[in-house]
PDB file of N, CA and C in Angstrom:
ATOM      1  N   MET A   1      39.388 -33.293  67.730  1.00  0.00           N
ATOM      2  CA  MET A   1      38.533 -32.565  67.101  1.00  0.00           C
ATOM      3  C   MET A   1      38.578 -31.079  67.674  1.00  0.00           C
ATOM      4  N   VAL A   2      38.439 -30.104  66.544  1.00  0.00           N
ATOM      5  CA  VAL A   2      38.758 -28.579  66.920  1.00  0.00           C
ATOM      6  C   VAL A   2      37.451 -28.234  67.615  1.00  0.00           C
ATOM      7  N   LYS A   3      37.725 -27.386  68.845  1.00  0.00           N
ATOM      8  CA  LYS A   3      36.860 -26.963  69.710  1.00  0.00           C
ATOM      9  C   LYS A   3      36.271 -25.482  69.035  1.00  0.00           C
ATOM     10  N   ALA A   4      34.907 -25.580  68.899  1.00  0.00           N
ATOM     11  CA  ALA A   4      34.444 -24.249  68.430  1.00  0.00           C
ATOM     12  C   ALA A   4      33.501 -23.514  69.422  1.00  0.00           C
ATOM     13  N   ARG A   5      33.586 -22.130  69.162  1.00  0.00           N
ATOM     14  CA  ARG A   5      32.590 -21.488  70.142  1.00  0.00           C
ATOM     15  C   ARG A   5      31.177 -21.559  69.849  1.00  0.00           C
ATOM     16  N   HIS A   6      30.694 -22.097  68.834  1.00  0.00           N
ATOM     17  CA  HIS A   6      29.279 -22.402  68.319  1.00  0.00           C
ATOM     18  C   HIS A   6      29.395 -23.915  67.769  1.00  0.00           C
ATOM     19  N   SER A   7      28.921 -24.812  68.416  1.00  0.00           N
ATOM     20  CA  SER A   7      28.994 -26.169  67.535  1.00  0.00           C
ATOM     21  C   SER A   7      27.702 -26.934  67.952  1.00  0.00           C
ATOM     22  N   ALA A   8      27.394 -27.886  67.059  1.00  0.00           N
ATOM     23  CA  ALA A   8      26.287 -28.531  67.495  1.00  0.00           C
ATOM     24  C   ALA A   8      26.384 -29.998  66.715  1.00  0.00           C
ATOM     25  N   THR A   9      25.840 -31.223  67.354  1.00  0.00           N
ATOM     26  CA  THR A   9      26.069 -32.384  66.491  1.00  0.00           C
ATOM     27  C   THR A   9      24.505 -32.369  65.841  1.00  0.00           C
ATOM     28  N   LEU A  10      24.489 -32.621  64.611  1.00  0.00           N
ATOM     29  CA  LEU A  10      23.053 -32.746  63.697  1.00  0.00           C
ATOM     30  C   LEU A  10      22.972 -33.788  62.766  1.00  0.00           C
ATOM     31  N   THR A  11      21.929 -34.215  62.590  1.00  0.00           N
ATOM     32  CA  THR A  11      21.422 -35.666  62.201  1.00  0.00           C
ATOM     33  C   THR A  11      20.584 -35.386  60.896  1.00  0.00           C
ATOM     34  N   LEU A  12      21.173 -36.172  59.823  1.00  0.00           N
ATOM     35  CA  LEU A  12      20.169 -35.957  58.577  1.00  0.00           C
ATOM     36  C   LEU A  12      18.774 -36.655  58.960  1.00  0.00           C
ATOM     37  N   ASP A  13      17.893 -36.299  58.136  1.00  0.00           N
ATOM     38  CA  ASP A  13      16.456 -36.953  58.384  1.00  0.00           C
ATOM     39  C   ASP A  13      16.547 -37.612  57.230  1.00  0.00           C
ATOM     40  N   ALA A  14      15.373 -38.604  56.930  1.00  0.00           N
ATOM     41  CA  ALA A  14      15.044 -39.577  55.957  1.00  0.00           C
ATOM     42  C   ALA A  14      15.098 -38.995  54.567  1.00  0.00           C
ATOM     43  N   GLN A  15      14.968 -37.458  54.497  1.00  0.00           N
ATOM     44  CA  GLN A  15      15.022 -36.943  53.071  1.00  0.00           C
ATOM     45  C   GLN A  15      16.437 -36.295  52.974  1.00  0.00           C
ATOM     46  N   GLY A  16      17.545 -36.497  53.788  1.00  0.00           N
ATOM     47  CA  GLY A  16      18.674 -35.902  53.947  1.00  0.00           C
ATOM     48  C   GLY A  16      18.904 -34.258  54.301  1.00  0.00           C
ATOM     49  N   ARG A  17      17.816 -34.071  55.004  1.00  0.00           N
ATOM     50  CA  ARG A  17      17.687 -32.740  55.537  1.00  0.00           C
ATOM     51  C   ARG A  17      18.496 -32.614  56.885  1.00  0.00           C
ATOM     52  N   VAL A  18      18.936 -31.327  57.021  1.00  0.00           N
ATOM     53  CA  VAL A  18      19.670 -30.971  58.229  1.00  0.00           C
ATOM     54  C   VAL A  18      18.795 -29.730  58.884  1.00  0.00           C
ATOM     55  N   LEU A  19      18.850 -29.948  60.283  1.00  0.00           N
ATOM     56  CA  LEU A  19      18.224 -28.637  60.929  1.00  0.00           C
ATOM     57  C   LEU A  19      19.386 -27.869  61.582  1.00  0.00           C
ATOM     58  N   LEU A  20      19.507 -26.689  61.202  1.00  0.00           N
ATOM     59  CA  LEU A  20      20.481 -25.818  61.788  1.00  0.00           C
ATOM     60  C   LEU A  20      19.963 -25.215  63.207  1.00  0.00           C
ATOM     61  N   PRO A  21      20.320 -25.596  64.344  1.00  0.00           N
ATOM     62  CA  PRO A  21      19.935 -25.058  65.823  1.00  0.00           C
ATOM     63  C   PRO A  21      19.953 -23.485  65.698  1.00  0.00           C
ATOM     64  N   ARG A  22      18.994 -23.096  66.499  1.00  0.00           N
ATOM     65  CA  ARG A  22      18.960 -21.574  66.570  1.00  0.00           C
ATOM     66  C   ARG A  22      20.284 -21.036  66.924  1.00  0.00           C
ATOM     67  N   PRO A  23      20.924 -21.356  67.976  1.00  0.00           N
ATOM     68  CA  PRO A  23      22.266 -20.670  68.123  1.00  0.00           C
ATOM     69  C   PRO A  23      23.267 -20.466  66.982  1.00  0.00           C
ATOM     70  N   LEU A  24      23.165 -21.482  66.302  1.00  0.00           N
ATOM     71  CA  LEU A  24      23.898 -21.664  65.021  1.00  0.00           C
ATOM     72  C   LEU A  24      23.432 -20.664  64.091  1.00  0.00           C
ATOM     73  N   ARG A  25      22.379 -20.445  63.752  1.00  0.00           N
ATOM     74  CA  ARG A  25      21.578 -19.384  62.873  1.00  0.00           C
ATOM     75  C   ARG A  25      21.939 -18.018  63.245  1.00  0.00           C
ATOM     76  N   GLN A  26      21.929 -17.958  64.891  1.00  0.00           N
ATOM     77  CA  GLN A  26      22.054 -16.563  65.193  1.00  0.00           C
ATOM     78  C   GLN A  26      23.568 -16.221  65.038  1.00  0.00           C
ATOM     79  N   ALA A  27      24.352 -16.950  65.360  1.00  0.00           N
ATOM     80  CA  ALA A  27      25.777 -16.629  64.965  1.00  0.00           C
ATOM     81  C   ALA A  27      26.272 -16.280  64.123  1.00  0.00           C
ATOM     82  N   LEU A  28      25.553 -16.762  62.934  1.00  0.00           N
ATOM     83  CA  LEU A  28      25.969 -16.653  61.249  1.00  0.00           C
ATOM     84  C   LEU A  28      24.978 -15.408  60.897  1.00  0.00           C
ATOM     85  N   GLY A  29      23.832 -15.000  61.610  1.00  0.00           N
ATOM     86  CA  GLY A  29      23.058 -14.243  61.195  1.00  0.00           C
ATOM     87  C   GLY A  29      21.849 -14.296  60.090  1.00  0.00           C
ATOM     88  N   LEU A  30      21.602 -15.936  60.054  1.00  0.00           N
ATOM     89  CA  LEU A  30      20.844 -16.674  59.055  1.00  0.00           C
ATOM     90  C   LEU A  30      19.571 -16.626  59.570  1.00  0.00           C
ATOM     91  N   GLY A  31      18.510 -16.458  58.624  1.00  0.00           N
ATOM     92  CA  GLY A  31      17.253 -16.057  58.631  1.00  0.00           C
ATOM     93  C   GLY A  31      16.326 -16.926  57.594  1.00  0.00           C
ATOM     94  N   PRO A  32      15.110 -17.159  57.716  1.00  0.00           N
ATOM     95  CA  PRO A  32      14.362 -17.734  56.706  1.00  0.00           C
ATOM     96  C   PRO A  32      14.487 -17.228  55.336  1.00  0.00           C
ATOM     97  N   GLY A  33      14.884 -18.248  54.488  1.00  0.00           N
ATOM     98  CA  GLY A  33      15.045 -17.493  52.966  1.00  0.00           C
ATOM     99  C   GLY A  33      16.352 -17.495  52.752  1.00  0.00           C
ATOM    100  N   THR A  34      17.335 -17.433  53.801  1.00  0.00           N
ATOM    101  CA  THR A  34      19.105 -17.521  53.438  1.00  0.00           C
ATOM    102  C   THR A  34      19.321 -18.507  52.605  1.00  0.00           C
ATOM    103  N   ARG A  35      19.975 -17.811  51.613  1.00  0.00           N
ATOM    104  CA  ARG A  35      20.567 -18.751  50.618  1.00  0.00           C
ATOM    105  C   ARG A  35      22.096 -19.209  51.114  1.00  0.00           C
ATOM    106  N   LEU A  36      22.444 -20.365  51.280  1.00  0.00           N
ATOM    107  CA  LEU A  36      23.743 -20.969  51.627  1.00  0.00           C
ATOM    108  C   LEU A  36      24.437 -21.459  50.299  1.00  0.00           C
ATOM    109  N   LEU A  37      25.741 -21.418  50.065  1.00  0.00           N
ATOM    110  CA  LEU A  37      26.545 -22.177  49.548  1.00  0.00           C
ATOM    111  C   LEU A  37      27.041 -23.115  50.123  1.00  0.00           C
ATOM    112  N   ALA A  38      27.006 -24.595  49.583  1.00  0.00           N
ATOM    113  CA  ALA A  38      27.376 -25.697  49.967  1.00  0.00           C
ATOM    114  C   ALA A  38      28.803 -26.116  49.536  1.00  0.00           C
ATOM    115  N   LEU A  39      29.852 -26.382  50.088  1.00  0.00           N
ATOM    116  CA  LEU A  39      30.996 -26.823  49.709  1.00  0.00           C
ATOM    117  C   LEU A  39      31.684 -28.000  50.417  1.00  0.00           C
ATOM    118  N   VAL A  40      32.362 -29.203  49.592  1.00  0.00           N
ATOM    119  CA  VAL A  40      33.085 -30.291  50.383  1.00  0.00           C
ATOM    120  C   VAL A  40      34.297 -29.649  50.198  1.00  0.00           C
ATOM    121  N   GLU A  41      35.064 -29.473  51.215  1.00  0.00           N
ATOM    122  CA  GLU A  41      36.720 -29.183  51.146  1.00  0.00           C
ATOM    123  C   GLU A  41      37.352 -29.883  52.048  1.00  0.00           C
ATOM    124  N   GLU A  42      38.271 -30.854  51.744  1.00  0.00           N
ATOM    125  CA  GLU A  42      39.213 -31.720  52.334  1.00  0.00           C
ATOM    126  C   GLU A  42      38.496 -32.668  53.413  1.00  0.00           C
ATOM    127  N   GLY A  43      37.071 -33.006  52.673  1.00  0.00           N
ATOM    128  CA  GLY A  43      36.260 -34.103  53.497  1.00  0.00           C
ATOM    129  C   GLY A  43      35.310 -33.499  54.599  1.00  0.00           C
ATOM    130  N   ARG A  44      35.271 -32.125  54.470  1.00  0.00           N
ATOM    131  CA  ARG A  44      34.380 -31.351  55.391  1.00  0.00           C
ATOM    132  C   ARG A  44      33.306 -30.649  54.481  1.00  0.00           C
ATOM    133  N   LEU A  45      31.995 -30.504  54.882  1.00  0.00           N
ATOM    134  CA  LEU A  45      31.017 -29.511  54.502  1.00  0.00           C
ATOM    135  C   LEU A  45      31.127 -28.059  54.944  1.00  0.00           C
ATOM    136  N   LEU A  46      31.112 -27.451  53.793  1.00  0.00           N
ATOM    137  CA  LEU A  46      31.149 -25.977  54.403  1.00  0.00           C
ATOM    138  C   LEU A  46      29.855 -25.224  53.928  1.00  0.00           C
ATOM    139  N   LEU A  47      29.071 -24.707  54.685  1.00  0.00           N
ATOM    140  CA  LEU A  47      27.990 -23.981  54.478  1.00  0.00           C
ATOM    141  C   LEU A  47      28.259 -22.680  54.654  1.00  0.00           C
ATOM    142  N   ILE A  48      28.337 -21.664  53.419  1.00  0.00           N
ATOM    143  CA  ILE A  48      28.603 -20.310  53.541  1.00  0.00           C
ATOM    144  C   ILE A  48      27.534 -19.566  52.925  1.00  0.00           C
ATOM    145  N   PRO A  49      26.979 -18.313  53.906  1.00  0.00           N
ATOM    146  CA  PRO A  49      25.805 -17.549  53.470  1.00  0.00           C
ATOM    147  C   PRO A  49      26.262 -16.835  51.763  1.00  0.00           C
ATOM    148  N   TRP A  50      25.280 -17.199  50.941  1.00  0.00           N
ATOM    149  CA  TRP A  50      25.395 -16.719  49.631  1.00  0.00           C
ATOM    150  C   TRP A  50      26.196 -15.577  49.486  1.00  0.00           C
ATOM    151  N   GLU A  51      25.622 -14.422  50.104  1.00  0.00           N
ATOM    152  CA  GLU A  51      25.937 -13.140  50.264  1.00  0.00           C
ATOM    153  C   GLU A  51      27.428 -12.791  50.471  1.00  0.00           C
ATOM    154  N   ARG A  52      27.833 -13.543  51.621  1.00  0.00           N
ATOM    155  CA  ARG A  52      29.404 -13.755  51.819  1.00  0.00           C
ATOM    156  C   ARG A  52      30.214 -14.301  50.719  1.00  0.00           C
ATOM    157  N   ALA A  53      29.834 -15.360  50.393  1.00  0.00           N
ATOM    158  CA  ALA A  53      30.694 -16.127  49.159  1.00  0.00           C
ATOM    159  C   ALA A  53      30.602 -15.049  48.006  1.00  0.00           C
ATOM    160  N   GLU A  54      29.679 -14.440  47.734  1.00  0.00           N
ATOM    161  CA  GLU A  54      29.505 -13.559  46.560  1.00  0.00           C
ATOM    162  C   GLU A  54      30.439 -12.107  46.862  1.00  0.00           C
ATOM    163  N   GLU A  55      30.525 -11.671  47.858  1.00  0.00           N
ATOM    164  CA  GLU A  55      31.346 -10.539  48.376  1.00  0.00           C
ATOM    165  C   GLU A  55      32.892 -10.924  48.230  1.00  0.00           C
ATOM    166  N   GLU A  56      33.193 -12.365  48.585  1.00  0.00           N
ATOM    167  CA  GLU A  56      34.551 -12.703  48.627  1.00  0.00           C
ATOM    168  C   GLU A  56      34.798 -12.932  47.052  1.00  0.00           C
ATOM    169  N   LEU A  57      34.030 -13.605  46.299  1.00  0.00           N
ATOM    170  CA  LEU A  57      34.530 -13.656  44.794  1.00  0.00           C
ATOM    171  C   LEU A  57      34.552 -12.118  44.281  1.00  0.00           C
ATOM    172  N   TRP A  58      33.730 -11.192  44.439  1.00  0.00           N
ATOM    173  CA  TRP A  58      34.003  -9.726  43.738  1.00  0.00           C
ATOM    174  C   TRP A  58      35.108  -9.270  44.242  1.00  0.00           C
ATOM    175  N   ALA A  59      35.510  -9.619  45.512  1.00  0.00           N
ATOM    176  CA  ALA A  59      36.817  -8.985  46.218  1.00  0.00           C
ATOM    177  C   ALA A  59      37.974  -9.466  45.271  1.00  0.00           C
ATOM    178  N   GLU A  60      38.083 -10.818  44.879  1.00  0.00           N
ATOM    179  CA  GLU A  60      39.018 -11.545  44.277  1.00  0.00           C
ATOM    180  C   GLU A  60      39.066 -10.817  42.760  1.00  0.00           C
ATOM    181  N   LEU A  61      37.836 -10.862  42.036  1.00  0.00           N
ATOM    182  CA  LEU A  61      37.977 -10.346  40.812  1.00  0.00           C
ATOM    183  C   LEU A  61      38.329  -8.886  40.561  1.00  0.00           C
ATOM    184  N   SER A  62      38.104  -7.885  41.781  1.00  0.00           N
ATOM    185  CA  SER A  62      38.496  -6.752  41.753  1.00  0.00           C
ATOM    186  C   SER A  62      39.982  -6.470  41.467  1.00  0.00           C
ATOM    187  N   ASP A  63      40.881  -7.525  41.845  1.00  0.00           N
ATOM    188  CA  ASP A  63      42.303  -7.320  41.840  1.00  0.00           C
ATOM    189  C   ASP A  63      42.548  -7.545  40.328  1.00  0.00           C
ATOM    190  N   LEU A  64      41.835  -8.080  39.353  1.00  0.00           N
ATOM    191  CA  LEU A  64      42.176  -8.339  38.115  1.00  0.00           C
ATOM    192  C   LEU A  64      42.539  -6.454  37.472  1.00  0.00           C
ATOM    193  N   GLN A  65      43.329  -6.427  36.743  1.00  0.00           N
ATOM    194  CA  GLN A  65      43.933  -5.127  36.008  1.00  0.00           C
ATOM    195  C   GLN A  65      43.168  -5.044  34.838  1.00  0.00           C
ATOM    196  N   GLU A  66      42.671  -5.728  34.327  1.00  0.00           N
ATOM    197  CA  GLU A  66      41.872  -5.706  32.950  1.00  0.00           C
ATOM    198  C   GLU A  66      40.844  -6.659  33.012  1.00  0.00           C
ATOM    199  N   SER A  67      39.645  -6.438  32.245  1.00  0.00           N
ATOM    200  CA  SER A  67      38.313  -7.321  32.378  1.00  0.00           C
ATOM    201  C   SER A  67      38.714  -8.597  31.769  1.00  0.00           C
ATOM    202  N   LEU A  68      37.855  -9.360  32.338  1.00  0.00           N
ATOM    203  CA  LEU A  68      37.955 -10.877  31.773  1.00  0.00           C
ATOM    204  C   LEU A  68      37.949 -11.074  30.210  1.00  0.00           C
ATOM    205  N   ALA A  69      37.129 -10.283  29.654  1.00  0.00           N
ATOM    206  CA  ALA A  69      36.588 -10.289  28.296  1.00  0.00           C
ATOM    207  C   ALA A  69      37.786  -9.700  27.669  1.00  0.00           C
ATOM    208  N   GLU A  70      38.441  -8.847  27.923  1.00  0.00           N
ATOM    209  CA  GLU A  70      39.567  -8.316  27.112  1.00  0.00           C
ATOM    210  C   GLU A  70      40.977  -9.281  27.604  1.00  0.00           C
ATOM    211  N   GLU A  71      41.035  -9.828  28.344  1.00  0.00           N
ATOM    212  CA  GLU A  71      42.172 -10.868  28.611  1.00  0.00           C
ATOM    213  C   GLU A  71      41.785 -11.892  27.734  1.00  0.00           C
ATOM    214  N   LEU A  72      40.530 -12.468  27.483  1.00  0.00           N
ATOM    215  CA  LEU A  72      40.222 -13.696  26.482  1.00  0.00           C
ATOM    216  C   LEU A  72      40.612 -13.233  25.245  1.00  0.00           C
ATOM    217  N   LEU A  73      39.827 -12.002  24.707  1.00  0.00           N
ATOM    218  CA  LEU A  73      40.285 -11.528  23.396  1.00  0.00           C
ATOM    219  C   LEU A  73      41.810 -11.475  23.080  1.00  0.00           C
ATOM    220  N   ARG A  74      42.752 -10.940  24.140  1.00  0.00           N
ATOM    221  CA  ARG A  74      43.961 -11.055  23.912  1.00  0.00           C
ATOM    222  C   ARG A  74      44.765 -12.417  23.784  1.00  0.00           C
ATOM    223  N   GLU A  75      44.004 -13.006  24.380  1.00  0.00           N
ATOM    224  CA  GLU A  75      44.495 -14.363  24.227  1.00  0.00           C
ATOM    225  C   GLU A  75      44.271 -15.188  22.884  1.00  0.00           C
ATOM    226  N   ARG A  76      42.961 -14.947  22.454  1.00  0.00           N
ATOM    227  CA  ARG A  76      42.596 -15.344  21.375  1.00  0.00           C
ATOM    228  C   ARG A  76      43.278 -14.508  20.106  1.00  0.00           C
ATOM    229  N   ARG A  77      43.782 -13.374  20.116  1.00  0.00           N
ATOM    230  CA  ARG A  77      44.379 -12.789  19.050  1.00  0.00           C
ATOM    231  C   ARG A  77      45.831 -13.397  19.076  1.00  0.00           C
ATOM    232  N   LEU A  78      46.472 -13.631  19.966  1.00  0.00           N
ATOM    233  CA  LEU A  78      47.679 -14.187  20.099  1.00  0.00           C
ATOM    234  C   LEU A  78      47.675 -15.489  19.435  1.00  0.00           C
ATOM    235  N   GLU A  79      46.556 -16.629  19.687  1.00  0.00           N
ATOM    236  CA  GLU A  79      46.540 -17.697  19.206  1.00  0.00           C
ATOM    237  C   GLU A  79      46.425 -17.630  17.767  1.00  0.00           C
ATOM    238  N   VAL A  80      45.702 -16.700  17.297  1.00  0.00           N
ATOM    239  CA  VAL A  80      45.296 -16.586  15.850  1.00  0.00           C
ATOM    240  C   VAL A  80      46.752 -16.140  14.895  1.00  0.00           C
ATOM    241  N   GLU A  81      47.605 -15.058  15.771  1.00  0.00           N
ATOM    242  CA  GLU A  81      48.733 -14.617  15.218  1.00  0.00           C
ATOM    243  C   GLU A  81      49.886 -15.961  15.169  1.00  0.00           C
ATOM    244  N   ARG A  82      49.647 -16.850  16.078  1.00  0.00           N
ATOM    245  CA  ARG A  82      50.598 -17.770  16.218  1.00  0.00           C
ATOM    246  C   ARG A  82      50.492 -19.026  15.205  1.00  0.00           C
ATOM    247  N   ASP A  83      49.055 -19.205  15.273  1.00  0.00           N
ATOM    248  CA  ASP A  83      48.916 -20.555  14.149  1.00  0.00           C
ATOM    249  C   ASP A  83      48.720 -19.931  12.926  1.00  0.00           C
ATOM    250  N   GLY A  84      48.590 -18.434  12.451  1.00  0.00           N
ATOM    251  CA  GLY A  84      48.932 -18.082  11.175  1.00  0.00           C
ATOM    252  C   GLY A  84      47.464 -18.132  10.386  1.00  0.00           C
TER     253      GLY A  84
END
């Protein structure tokens, strides 16, 4: 198992909830009302603060040279031309 600086053993309660211990919340800067994105990746559960996930998504989208709408319109025009 990978050793981590901040780790904890967590237990699901009867309703499927998990309590994140204070040291983990503090390490990530999580407070009451913080939204988390939950992902299953390679058999692991990842909890990512929503704002961080949103920042990463916008960073990926900023690399696009044209807008998604323009790209979609261009593709549709090519389909119409090809299908006649």
